[in-house]
Amino acid sequence: DPELWRDIQSNVRKMDDLYDATFYTWLRSEDNVLVTASYLQRLTGEYSLDRIEHALCWLVNGWRLESIAILIKQVTFDW
């Protein structure tokens, strides 16, 4: 199904199960915003804007405005 990418939460949870990891918890933590932003900034050239927007909205849901601003500034630095 070409739309499976939309269910980010399910996909990240599957990665947790597959790799016996805690990607979900790590990604959702605002404490990791700078590392997450740096990683996402490198990926933005590989995906369409609608996918990037969808992922960022999922990621920042429930975050403080300060953390969201840091993430967006870092991710879009060289656009």
PDB file of N, CA and C in Angstrom:
ATOM      1  N   ASP A   1       0.852  -1.189   0.000  1.00  0.00           N
ATOM      2  CA  ASP A   1       0.000   0.000   0.000  1.00  0.00           C
ATOM      3  C   ASP A   1       0.889   1.241   0.000  1.00  0.00           C
ATOM      4  N   PRO A   2       0.752   2.087  -1.009  1.00  0.00           N
ATOM      5  CA  PRO A   2       1.613   3.272  -1.101  1.00  0.00           C
ATOM      6  C   PRO A   2       1.347   4.324  -0.023  1.00  0.00           C
ATOM      7  N   GLU A   3       0.282   4.181   0.724  1.00  0.00           N
ATOM      8  CA  GLU A   3      -0.053   5.161   1.758  1.00  0.00           C
ATOM      9  C   GLU A   3       0.379   4.713   3.160  1.00  0.00           C
ATOM     10  N   LEU A   4       1.070   3.604   3.287  1.00  0.00           N
ATOM     11  CA  LEU A   4       1.498   3.104   4.600  1.00  0.00           C
ATOM     12  C   LEU A   4       2.408   4.083   5.333  1.00  0.00           C
ATOM     13  N   TRP A   5       3.116   4.919   4.596  1.00  0.00           N
ATOM     14  CA  TRP A   5       4.030   5.878   5.216  1.00  0.00           C
ATOM     15  C   TRP A   5       3.291   6.859   6.111  1.00  0.00           C
ATOM     16  N   ARG A   6       2.004   7.049   5.889  1.00  0.00           N
ATOM     17  CA  ARG A   6       1.231   8.015   6.674  1.00  0.00           C
ATOM     18  C   ARG A   6       1.093   7.622   8.144  1.00  0.00           C
ATOM     19  N   ASP A   7       1.128   6.332   8.426  1.00  0.00           N
ATOM     20  CA  ASP A   7       0.967   5.872   9.806  1.00  0.00           C
ATOM     21  C   ASP A   7       2.332   5.813  10.488  1.00  0.00           C
ATOM     22  N   ILE A   8       2.860   6.981  10.778  1.00  0.00           N
ATOM     23  CA  ILE A   8       4.211   7.091  11.332  1.00  0.00           C
ATOM     24  C   ILE A   8       4.320   6.353  12.658  1.00  0.00           C
ATOM     25  N   GLN A   9       3.351   6.551  13.513  1.00  0.00           N
ATOM     26  CA  GLN A   9       3.412   5.918  14.832  1.00  0.00           C
ATOM     27  C   GLN A   9       3.531   4.401  14.700  1.00  0.00           C
ATOM     28  N   SER A  10       2.712   3.815  13.873  1.00  0.00           N
ATOM     29  CA  SER A  10       2.762   2.364  13.684  1.00  0.00           C
ATOM     30  C   SER A  10       4.106   1.932  13.100  1.00  0.00           C
ATOM     31  N   ASN A  11       4.607   2.686  12.131  1.00  0.00           N
ATOM     32  CA  ASN A  11       5.880   2.341  11.509  1.00  0.00           C
ATOM     33  C   ASN A  11       7.045   2.428  12.495  1.00  0.00           C
ATOM     34  N   VAL A  12       7.045   3.450  13.331  1.00  0.00           N
ATOM     35  CA  VAL A  12       8.123   3.591  14.316  1.00  0.00           C
ATOM     36  C   VAL A  12       8.016   2.480  15.366  1.00  0.00           C
ATOM     37  N   ARG A  13       6.807   2.157  15.770  1.00  0.00           N
ATOM     38  CA  ARG A  13       6.620   1.057  16.725  1.00  0.00           C
ATOM     39  C   ARG A  13       7.104  -0.267  16.137  1.00  0.00           C
ATOM     40  N   LYS A  14       6.863  -0.473  14.846  1.00  0.00           N
ATOM     41  CA  LYS A  14       7.351  -1.684  14.177  1.00  0.00           C
ATOM     42  C   LYS A  14       8.872  -1.725  14.184  1.00  0.00           C
ATOM     43  N   MET A  15       9.495  -0.573  13.978  1.00  0.00           N
ATOM     44  CA  MET A  15      10.957  -0.509  14.048  1.00  0.00           C
ATOM     45  C   MET A  15      11.438  -0.865  15.455  1.00  0.00           C
ATOM     46  N   ASP A  16      10.741  -0.373  16.465  1.00  0.00           N
ATOM     47  CA  ASP A  16      11.085  -0.718  17.849  1.00  0.00           C
ATOM     48  C   ASP A  16      11.058  -2.229  18.042  1.00  0.00           C
ATOM     49  N   ASP A  17      10.008  -2.853  17.562  1.00  0.00           N
ATOM     50  CA  ASP A  17       9.870  -4.305  17.711  1.00  0.00           C
ATOM     51  C   ASP A  17      10.929  -5.052  16.905  1.00  0.00           C
ATOM     52  N   LEU A  18      11.139  -4.609  15.682  1.00  0.00           N
ATOM     53  CA  LEU A  18      12.078  -5.280  14.792  1.00  0.00           C
ATOM     54  C   LEU A  18      13.510  -5.229  15.310  1.00  0.00           C
ATOM     55  N   TYR A  19      13.893  -4.078  15.853  1.00  0.00           N
ATOM     56  CA  TYR A  19      15.274  -3.879  16.289  1.00  0.00           C
ATOM     57  C   TYR A  19      15.443  -3.906  17.809  1.00  0.00           C
ATOM     58  N   ASP A  20      14.373  -4.259  18.505  1.00  0.00           N
ATOM     59  CA  ASP A  20      14.397  -4.279  19.970  1.00  0.00           C
ATOM     60  C   ASP A  20      14.978  -2.962  20.497  1.00  0.00           C
ATOM     61  N   ALA A  21      14.369  -1.870  20.041  1.00  0.00           N
ATOM     62  CA  ALA A  21      14.875  -0.532  20.346  1.00  0.00           C
ATOM     63  C   ALA A  21      13.757   0.345  20.907  1.00  0.00           C
ATOM     64  N   THR A  22      14.092   1.613  21.144  1.00  0.00           N
ATOM     65  CA  THR A  22      13.120   2.580  21.663  1.00  0.00           C
ATOM     66  C   THR A  22      13.103   3.831  20.786  1.00  0.00           C
ATOM     67  N   PHE A  23      13.014   3.622  19.480  1.00  0.00           N
ATOM     68  CA  PHE A  23      12.975   4.749  18.554  1.00  0.00           C
ATOM     69  C   PHE A  23      11.819   5.691  18.879  1.00  0.00           C
ATOM     70  N   TYR A  24      10.648   5.145  19.151  1.00  0.00           N
ATOM     71  CA  TYR A  24       9.466   5.963  19.403  1.00  0.00           C
ATOM     72  C   TYR A  24       9.701   6.918  20.564  1.00  0.00           C
ATOM     73  N   THR A  25      10.138   6.383  21.677  1.00  0.00           N
ATOM     74  CA  THR A  25      10.375   7.198  22.874  1.00  0.00           C
ATOM     75  C   THR A  25      11.461   8.229  22.606  1.00  0.00           C
ATOM     76  N   TRP A  26      12.515   7.812  21.940  1.00  0.00           N
ATOM     77  CA  TRP A  26      13.626   8.714  21.672  1.00  0.00           C
ATOM     78  C   TRP A  26      13.196   9.849  20.749  1.00  0.00           C
ATOM     79  N   LEU A  27      12.502   9.508  19.667  1.00  0.00           N
ATOM     80  CA  LEU A  27      12.067  10.535  18.715  1.00  0.00           C
ATOM     81  C   LEU A  27      11.098  11.527  19.334  1.00  0.00           C
ATOM     82  N   ARG A  28      10.185  11.039  20.141  1.00  0.00           N
ATOM     83  CA  ARG A  28       9.148  11.893  20.715  1.00  0.00           C
ATOM     84  C   ARG A  28       9.657  12.766  21.857  1.00  0.00           C
ATOM     85  N   SER A  29      10.848  12.523  22.338  1.00  0.00           N
ATOM     86  CA  SER A  29      11.397  13.292  23.444  1.00  0.00           C
ATOM     87  C   SER A  29      11.952  14.635  22.962  1.00  0.00           C
ATOM     88  N   GLU A  30      11.448  15.707  23.541  1.00  0.00           N
ATOM     89  CA  GLU A  30      11.961  17.039  23.205  1.00  0.00           C
ATOM     90  C   GLU A  30      13.421  17.198  23.602  1.00  0.00           C
ATOM     91  N   ASP A  31      13.880  16.417  24.540  1.00  0.00           N
ATOM     92  CA  ASP A  31      15.274  16.494  24.980  1.00  0.00           C
ATOM     93  C   ASP A  31      16.242  16.185  23.837  1.00  0.00           C
ATOM     94  N   ASN A  32      15.764  15.497  22.814  1.00  0.00           N
ATOM     95  CA  ASN A  32      16.604  15.088  21.690  1.00  0.00           C
ATOM     96  C   ASN A  32      16.417  15.975  20.466  1.00  0.00           C
ATOM     97  N   VAL A  33      15.807  17.136  20.642  1.00  0.00           N
ATOM     98  CA  VAL A  33      15.413  17.966  19.508  1.00  0.00           C
ATOM     99  C   VAL A  33      16.581  18.333  18.598  1.00  0.00           C
ATOM    100  N   LEU A  34      17.719  18.662  19.122  1.00  0.00           N
ATOM    101  CA  LEU A  34      18.839  19.069  18.256  1.00  0.00           C
ATOM    102  C   LEU A  34      19.382  17.905  17.427  1.00  0.00           C
ATOM    103  N   VAL A  35      19.491  16.755  18.025  1.00  0.00           N
ATOM    104  CA  VAL A  35      19.980  15.583  17.284  1.00  0.00           C
ATOM    105  C   VAL A  35      18.940  15.154  16.248  1.00  0.00           C
ATOM    106  N   THR A  36      17.684  15.138  16.660  1.00  0.00           N
ATOM    107  CA  THR A  36      16.604  14.775  15.744  1.00  0.00           C
ATOM    108  C   THR A  36      16.549  15.748  14.570  1.00  0.00           C
ATOM    109  N   ALA A  37      16.656  17.039  14.855  1.00  0.00           N
ATOM    110  CA  ALA A  37      16.608  18.059  13.812  1.00  0.00           C
ATOM    111  C   ALA A  37      17.766  17.897  12.827  1.00  0.00           C
ATOM    112  N   SER A  38      18.940  17.622  13.345  1.00  0.00           N
ATOM    113  CA  SER A  38      20.108  17.439  12.485  1.00  0.00           C
ATOM    114  C   SER A  38      19.903  16.253  11.543  1.00  0.00           C
ATOM    115  N   TYR A  39      19.384  15.179  12.059  1.00  0.00           N
ATOM    116  CA  TYR A  39      19.131  13.988  11.251  1.00  0.00           C
ATOM    117  C   TYR A  39      18.049  14.274  10.207  1.00  0.00           C
ATOM    118  N   LEU A  40      16.960  14.901  10.633  1.00  0.00           N
ATOM    119  CA  LEU A  40      15.864  15.197   9.712  1.00  0.00           C
ATOM    120  C   LEU A  40      16.286  16.184   8.633  1.00  0.00           C
ATOM    121  N   GLN A  41      17.136  17.125   8.984  1.00  0.00           N
ATOM    122  CA  GLN A  41      17.607  18.114   8.009  1.00  0.00           C
ATOM    123  C   GLN A  41      18.298  17.415   6.837  1.00  0.00           C
ATOM    124  N   ARG A  42      19.039  16.374   7.121  1.00  0.00           N
ATOM    125  CA  ARG A  42      19.728  15.629   6.062  1.00  0.00           C
ATOM    126  C   ARG A  42      18.752  14.826   5.201  1.00  0.00           C
ATOM    127  N   LEU A  43      17.627  14.421   5.783  1.00  0.00           N
ATOM    128  CA  LEU A  43      16.658  13.607   5.049  1.00  0.00           C
ATOM    129  C   LEU A  43      15.698  14.411   4.183  1.00  0.00           C
ATOM    130  N   THR A  44      15.575  15.702   4.429  1.00  0.00           N
ATOM    131  CA  THR A  44      14.551  16.486   3.745  1.00  0.00           C
ATOM    132  C   THR A  44      14.703  16.484   2.228  1.00  0.00           C
ATOM    133  N   GLY A  45      15.895  16.346   1.727  1.00  0.00           N
ATOM    134  CA  GLY A  45      16.092  16.308   0.284  1.00  0.00           C
ATOM    135  C   GLY A  45      15.628  15.018  -0.363  1.00  0.00           C
ATOM    136  N   GLU A  46      15.352  14.009   0.438  1.00  0.00           N
ATOM    137  CA  GLU A  46      14.969  12.702  -0.083  1.00  0.00           C
ATOM    138  C   GLU A  46      13.462  12.481  -0.139  1.00  0.00           C
ATOM    139  N   TYR A  47      12.680  13.393   0.443  1.00  0.00           N
ATOM    140  CA  TYR A  47      11.240  13.192   0.543  1.00  0.00           C
ATOM    141  C   TYR A  47      10.483  14.419   0.065  1.00  0.00           C
ATOM    142  N   SER A  48       9.241  14.195  -0.339  1.00  0.00           N
ATOM    143  CA  SER A  48       8.388  15.301  -0.800  1.00  0.00           C
ATOM    144  C   SER A  48       7.975  16.166   0.388  1.00  0.00           C
ATOM    145  N   LEU A  49       7.605  17.394   0.088  1.00  0.00           N
ATOM    146  CA  LEU A  49       7.217  18.336   1.130  1.00  0.00           C
ATOM    147  C   LEU A  49       6.025  17.830   1.943  1.00  0.00           C
ATOM    148  N   ASP A  50       5.063  17.161   1.309  1.00  0.00           N
ATOM    149  CA  ASP A  50       3.907  16.669   2.062  1.00  0.00           C
ATOM    150  C   ASP A  50       4.308  15.597   3.073  1.00  0.00           C
ATOM    151  N   ARG A  51       5.287  14.780   2.724  1.00  0.00           N
ATOM    152  CA  ARG A  51       5.764  13.764   3.675  1.00  0.00           C
ATOM    153  C   ARG A  51       6.527  14.410   4.829  1.00  0.00           C
ATOM    154  N   ILE A  52       7.328  15.402   4.510  1.00  0.00           N
ATOM    155  CA  ILE A  52       8.081  16.102   5.552  1.00  0.00           C
ATOM    156  C   ILE A  52       7.114  16.793   6.505  1.00  0.00           C
ATOM    157  N   GLU A  53       6.144  17.488   5.950  1.00  0.00           N
ATOM    158  CA  GLU A  53       5.146  18.166   6.775  1.00  0.00           C
ATOM    159  C   GLU A  53       4.403  17.181   7.671  1.00  0.00           C
ATOM    160  N   HIS A  54       3.993  16.077   7.107  1.00  0.00           N
ATOM    161  CA  HIS A  54       3.273  15.053   7.871  1.00  0.00           C
ATOM    162  C   HIS A  54       4.124  14.525   9.028  1.00  0.00           C
ATOM    163  N   ALA A  55       5.373  14.240   8.750  1.00  0.00           N
ATOM    164  CA  ALA A  55       6.281  13.716   9.775  1.00  0.00           C
ATOM    165  C   ALA A  55       6.532  14.740  10.875  1.00  0.00           C
ATOM    166  N   LEU A  56       6.761  15.983  10.486  1.00  0.00           N
ATOM    167  CA  LEU A  56       7.019  17.019  11.483  1.00  0.00           C
ATOM    168  C   LEU A  56       5.802  17.259  12.371  1.00  0.00           C
ATOM    169  N   CYS A  57       4.622  17.255  11.771  1.00  0.00           N
ATOM    170  CA  CYS A  57       3.392  17.429  12.578  1.00  0.00           C
ATOM    171  C   CYS A  57       3.239  16.294  13.580  1.00  0.00           C
ATOM    172  N   TRP A  58       3.516  15.076  13.150  1.00  0.00           N
ATOM    173  CA  TRP A  58       3.448  13.928  14.071  1.00  0.00           C
ATOM    174  C   TRP A  58       4.483  14.094  15.181  1.00  0.00           C
ATOM    175  N   LEU A  59       5.675  14.440  14.811  1.00  0.00           N
ATOM    176  CA  LEU A  59       6.774  14.521  15.766  1.00  0.00           C
ATOM    177  C   LEU A  59       6.532  15.564  16.849  1.00  0.00           C
ATOM    178  N   VAL A  60       6.067  16.735  16.478  1.00  0.00           N
ATOM    179  CA  VAL A  60       5.974  17.838  17.434  1.00  0.00           C
ATOM    180  C   VAL A  60       4.645  17.882  18.190  1.00  0.00           C
ATOM    181  N   ASN A  61       3.761  16.963  17.911  1.00  0.00           N
ATOM    182  CA  ASN A  61       2.477  16.936  18.609  1.00  0.00           C
ATOM    183  C   ASN A  61       2.695  16.849  20.121  1.00  0.00           C
ATOM    184  N   GLY A  62       2.267  17.888  20.835  1.00  0.00           N
ATOM    185  CA  GLY A  62       2.428  17.922  22.281  1.00  0.00           C
ATOM    186  C   GLY A  62       3.704  18.596  22.759  1.00  0.00           C
ATOM    187  N   TRP A  63       4.563  19.005  21.840  1.00  0.00           N
ATOM    188  CA  TRP A  63       5.813  19.668  22.216  1.00  0.00           C
ATOM    189  C   TRP A  63       5.554  21.128  22.586  1.00  0.00           C
ATOM    190  N   ARG A  64       6.504  21.696  23.338  1.00  0.00           N
ATOM    191  CA  ARG A  64       6.479  23.123  23.655  1.00  0.00           C
ATOM    192  C   ARG A  64       6.861  23.920  22.405  1.00  0.00           C
ATOM    193  N   LEU A  65       6.352  25.127  22.322  1.00  0.00           N
ATOM    194  CA  LEU A  65       6.614  25.985  21.176  1.00  0.00           C
ATOM    195  C   LEU A  65       8.116  26.201  20.966  1.00  0.00           C
ATOM    196  N   GLU A  66       8.852  26.340  22.048  1.00  0.00           N
ATOM    197  CA  GLU A  66      10.307  26.545  21.952  1.00  0.00           C
ATOM    198  C   GLU A  66      10.976  25.385  21.221  1.00  0.00           C
ATOM    199  N   SER A  67      10.608  24.162  21.561  1.00  0.00           N
ATOM    200  CA  SER A  67      11.198  22.983  20.917  1.00  0.00           C
ATOM    201  C   SER A  67      10.791  22.891  19.453  1.00  0.00           C
ATOM    202  N   ILE A  68       9.537  23.229  19.164  1.00  0.00           N
ATOM    203  CA  ILE A  68       9.062  23.213  17.772  1.00  0.00           C
ATOM    204  C   ILE A  68       9.855  24.219  16.944  1.00  0.00           C
ATOM    205  N   ALA A  69      10.066  25.410  17.484  1.00  0.00           N
ATOM    206  CA  ALA A  69      10.820  26.445  16.770  1.00  0.00           C
ATOM    207  C   ALA A  69      12.250  25.988  16.494  1.00  0.00           C
ATOM    208  N   ILE A  70      12.880  25.369  17.462  1.00  0.00           N
ATOM    209  CA  ILE A  70      14.245  24.863  17.275  1.00  0.00           C
ATOM    210  C   ILE A  70      14.272  23.834  16.159  1.00  0.00           C
ATOM    211  N   LEU A  71      13.340  22.905  16.193  1.00  0.00           N
ATOM    212  CA  LEU A  71      13.288  21.844  15.186  1.00  0.00           C
ATOM    213  C   LEU A  71      13.085  22.427  13.787  1.00  0.00           C
ATOM    214  N   ILE A  72      12.093  23.283  13.629  1.00  0.00           N
ATOM    215  CA  ILE A  72      11.784  23.848  12.315  1.00  0.00           C
ATOM    216  C   ILE A  72      12.955  24.690  11.798  1.00  0.00           C
ATOM    217  N   LYS A  73      13.552  25.479  12.666  1.00  0.00           N
ATOM    218  CA  LYS A  73      14.696  26.303  12.257  1.00  0.00           C
ATOM    219  C   LYS A  73      15.846  25.425  11.759  1.00  0.00           C
ATOM    220  N   GLN A  74      16.144  24.366  12.475  1.00  0.00           N
ATOM    221  CA  GLN A  74      17.243  23.487  12.107  1.00  0.00           C
ATOM    222  C   GLN A  74      16.931  22.698  10.834  1.00  0.00           C
ATOM    223  N   VAL A  75      15.731  22.169  10.740  1.00  0.00           N
ATOM    224  CA  VAL A  75      15.365  21.335   9.590  1.00  0.00           C
ATOM    225  C   VAL A  75      15.337  22.145   8.302  1.00  0.00           C
ATOM    226  N   THR A  76      14.887  23.379   8.380  1.00  0.00           N
ATOM    227  CA  THR A  76      14.734  24.203   7.166  1.00  0.00           C
ATOM    228  C   THR A  76      15.882  25.178   6.956  1.00  0.00           C
ATOM    229  N   PHE A  77      16.963  24.993   7.666  1.00  0.00           N
ATOM    230  CA  PHE A  77      18.093  25.919   7.636  1.00  0.00           C
ATOM    231  C   PHE A  77      18.560  26.291   6.220  1.00  0.00           C
ATOM    232  N   ASP A  78      18.688  25.323   5.348  1.00  0.00           N
ATOM    233  CA  ASP A  78      19.250  25.615   4.025  1.00  0.00           C
ATOM    234  C   ASP A  78      18.232  25.502   2.893  1.00  0.00           C
ATOM    235  N   TRP A  79      16.995  25.716   3.188  1.00  0.00           N
ATOM    236  CA  TRP A  79      15.957  25.629   2.140  1.00  0.00           C
ATOM    237  C   TRP A  79      15.969  26.822   1.260  1.00  0.00           C
TER     238      TRP A  79
END
